[in-house]
Amino acid sequence: MGSRDQVCLACDGRGLLMDDEEWQYTCKICNGDGFMPQHTNVANRQLADTDEMNRILD
């Protein structure tokens, strides 16, 4: 893993996010890479497509 300043803060470098029911999703911030320089802006501000249980759909 790269240096701590390059790790995605949203997924902590894992590339996956988990909800309270332990469903895992690809991180939308780093696109599953796990790395994102902390000095860059998040350009992907589009709404996520969700189902009736508010789970993110791919």
N, C-alpha and C. Protein backbone atom coordinates (compact mmCIF):
# COMPACT_ATOMS: atom_id res chain seq x y z
N MET A 1 0.85 -1.19 0.00
CA MET A 1 0.00 0.00 0.00
C MET A 1 0.88 1.23 0.00
N GLY A 2 0.43 2.30 -0.62
CA GLY A 2 1.18 3.54 -0.73
C GLY A 2 1.24 4.28 0.59
N SER A 3 1.80 5.45 0.55
CA SER A 3 1.90 6.24 1.76
C SER A 3 0.52 6.68 2.22
N ARG A 4 0.41 6.99 3.48
CA ARG A 4 -0.88 7.32 4.09
C ARG A 4 -1.54 8.54 3.45
N ASP A 5 -0.77 9.48 2.90
CA ASP A 5 -1.38 10.66 2.29
C ASP A 5 -1.98 10.36 0.92
N GLN A 6 -1.78 9.16 0.37
CA GLN A 6 -2.36 8.78 -0.91
C GLN A 6 -3.56 7.85 -0.75
N VAL A 7 -3.85 7.39 0.45
CA VAL A 7 -4.93 6.44 0.70
C VAL A 7 -6.28 7.15 0.69
N CYS A 8 -7.27 6.54 0.06
CA CYS A 8 -8.63 7.09 0.03
C CYS A 8 -9.19 7.11 1.45
N LEU A 9 -9.66 8.27 1.87
CA LEU A 9 -10.20 8.40 3.23
C LEU A 9 -11.58 7.76 3.37
N ALA A 10 -12.31 7.66 2.28
CA ALA A 10 -13.66 7.10 2.35
C ALA A 10 -13.64 5.60 2.65
N CYS A 11 -12.74 4.87 2.01
CA CYS A 11 -12.69 3.41 2.18
C CYS A 11 -11.46 2.94 2.94
N ASP A 12 -10.63 3.86 3.39
CA ASP A 12 -9.40 3.58 4.12
C ASP A 12 -8.45 2.68 3.33
N GLY A 13 -8.45 2.85 2.01
CA GLY A 13 -7.52 2.13 1.16
C GLY A 13 -7.95 0.73 0.75
N ARG A 14 -9.12 0.28 1.17
CA ARG A 14 -9.58 -1.07 0.83
C ARG A 14 -10.27 -1.12 -0.52
N GLY A 15 -10.83 0.00 -0.98
CA GLY A 15 -11.53 0.02 -2.25
C GLY A 15 -12.98 -0.42 -2.13
N LEU A 16 -13.39 -0.81 -0.93
CA LEU A 16 -14.76 -1.26 -0.69
C LEU A 16 -15.35 -0.50 0.48
N LEU A 17 -16.65 -0.26 0.40
CA LEU A 17 -17.41 0.30 1.50
C LEU A 17 -18.39 -0.75 1.97
N MET A 18 -18.77 -0.73 3.25
CA MET A 18 -19.69 -1.71 3.79
C MET A 18 -20.82 -1.00 4.52
N ASP A 19 -22.06 -1.47 4.30
CA ASP A 19 -23.18 -0.86 5.02
C ASP A 19 -23.43 -1.60 6.33
N ASP A 20 -24.48 -1.21 7.05
CA ASP A 20 -24.74 -1.80 8.36
C ASP A 20 -25.19 -3.26 8.29
N GLU A 21 -25.60 -3.74 7.13
CA GLU A 21 -25.95 -5.14 6.95
C GLU A 21 -24.79 -5.95 6.38
N GLU A 22 -23.61 -5.33 6.33
CA GLU A 22 -22.36 -5.92 5.86
C GLU A 22 -22.35 -6.25 4.37
N TRP A 23 -23.16 -5.53 3.58
CA TRP A 23 -23.07 -5.61 2.13
C TRP A 23 -21.87 -4.76 1.74
N GLN A 24 -21.05 -5.24 0.82
CA GLN A 24 -19.89 -4.50 0.39
C GLN A 24 -20.11 -3.91 -0.99
N TYR A 25 -19.61 -2.69 -1.17
CA TYR A 25 -19.77 -1.94 -2.41
C TYR A 25 -18.43 -1.36 -2.82
N THR A 26 -18.23 -1.19 -4.12
CA THR A 26 -17.04 -0.51 -4.62
C THR A 26 -17.11 0.94 -4.20
N CYS A 27 -16.01 1.45 -3.71
CA CYS A 27 -15.94 2.85 -3.28
C CYS A 27 -16.14 3.77 -4.48
N LYS A 28 -17.09 4.68 -4.39
CA LYS A 28 -17.39 5.61 -5.48
C LYS A 28 -16.40 6.79 -5.51
N ILE A 29 -15.67 7.00 -4.44
CA ILE A 29 -14.72 8.11 -4.38
C ILE A 29 -13.44 7.77 -5.15
N CYS A 30 -12.87 6.59 -4.90
CA CYS A 30 -11.62 6.20 -5.55
C CYS A 30 -11.83 5.18 -6.65
N ASN A 31 -13.10 4.82 -6.94
CA ASN A 31 -13.45 3.82 -7.95
C ASN A 31 -12.84 2.45 -7.66
N GLY A 32 -12.67 2.13 -6.39
CA GLY A 32 -12.16 0.82 -6.00
C GLY A 32 -10.65 0.70 -5.99
N ASP A 33 -9.94 1.76 -6.32
CA ASP A 33 -8.47 1.72 -6.34
C ASP A 33 -7.87 1.73 -4.94
N GLY A 34 -8.51 2.42 -4.03
CA GLY A 34 -7.99 2.55 -2.68
C GLY A 34 -7.04 3.72 -2.51
N PHE A 35 -6.67 4.36 -3.61
CA PHE A 35 -5.72 5.47 -3.55
C PHE A 35 -6.33 6.73 -4.14
N MET A 36 -6.09 7.83 -3.47
CA MET A 36 -6.54 9.12 -3.96
C MET A 36 -5.74 10.19 -3.23
N PRO A 37 -4.99 11.01 -3.96
CA PRO A 37 -4.25 12.07 -3.29
C PRO A 37 -5.20 12.97 -2.49
N GLN A 38 -4.82 13.30 -1.29
CA GLN A 38 -5.69 14.05 -0.39
C GLN A 38 -5.85 15.51 -0.80
N HIS A 39 -4.98 16.02 -1.66
CA HIS A 39 -5.07 17.41 -2.06
C HIS A 39 -5.95 17.61 -3.29
N THR A 40 -6.51 16.53 -3.86
CA THR A 40 -7.38 16.68 -5.02
C THR A 40 -8.83 16.82 -4.58
N ASN A 41 -9.65 17.38 -5.45
CA ASN A 41 -11.07 17.52 -5.19
C ASN A 41 -11.80 16.30 -5.71
N VAL A 42 -12.91 15.97 -5.08
CA VAL A 42 -13.74 14.88 -5.55
C VAL A 42 -14.58 15.39 -6.71
N ALA A 43 -14.33 14.85 -7.90
CA ALA A 43 -15.02 15.34 -9.09
C ALA A 43 -16.32 14.59 -9.34
N ASN A 44 -16.44 13.38 -8.83
CA ASN A 44 -17.62 12.55 -9.07
C ASN A 44 -18.68 12.86 -8.01
N ARG A 45 -19.52 13.82 -8.30
CA ARG A 45 -20.56 14.23 -7.35
C ARG A 45 -21.94 13.78 -7.79
N GLN A 46 -22.02 12.81 -8.69
CA GLN A 46 -23.32 12.34 -9.16
C GLN A 46 -23.99 11.47 -8.10
N LEU A 47 -25.31 11.47 -8.09
CA LEU A 47 -26.06 10.67 -7.15
C LEU A 47 -25.93 9.20 -7.49
N ALA A 48 -25.84 8.38 -6.47
CA ALA A 48 -25.75 6.94 -6.68
C ALA A 48 -27.15 6.38 -6.91
N ASP A 49 -27.25 5.39 -7.79
CA ASP A 49 -28.51 4.70 -8.05
C ASP A 49 -28.73 3.69 -6.93
N THR A 50 -29.87 3.77 -6.23
CA THR A 50 -30.12 2.88 -5.09
C THR A 50 -31.43 2.12 -5.27
N ASP A 51 -31.55 1.02 -4.54
CA ASP A 51 -32.79 0.27 -4.53
C ASP A 51 -33.69 0.74 -3.40
N GLU A 52 -34.80 0.07 -3.16
CA GLU A 52 -35.75 0.50 -2.13
C GLU A 52 -35.18 0.39 -0.70
N MET A 53 -34.10 -0.38 -0.52
CA MET A 53 -33.46 -0.50 0.79
C MET A 53 -32.26 0.45 0.90
N ASN A 54 -32.12 1.39 -0.07
CA ASN A 54 -31.03 2.35 -0.12
C ASN A 54 -29.66 1.71 -0.29
N ARG A 55 -29.60 0.55 -0.94
CA ARG A 55 -28.34 -0.08 -1.29
C ARG A 55 -27.91 0.44 -2.65
N ILE A 56 -26.64 0.70 -2.81
CA ILE A 56 -26.12 1.23 -4.07
C ILE A 56 -26.12 0.15 -5.13
N LEU A 57 -26.68 0.51 -6.30
CA LEU A 57 -26.71 -0.41 -7.44
C LEU A 57 -25.58 -0.04 -8.39
N ASP A 58 -24.96 -1.04 -9.00
CA ASP A 58 -23.90 -0.77 -9.97
C ASP A 58 -24.43 -0.69 -11.35
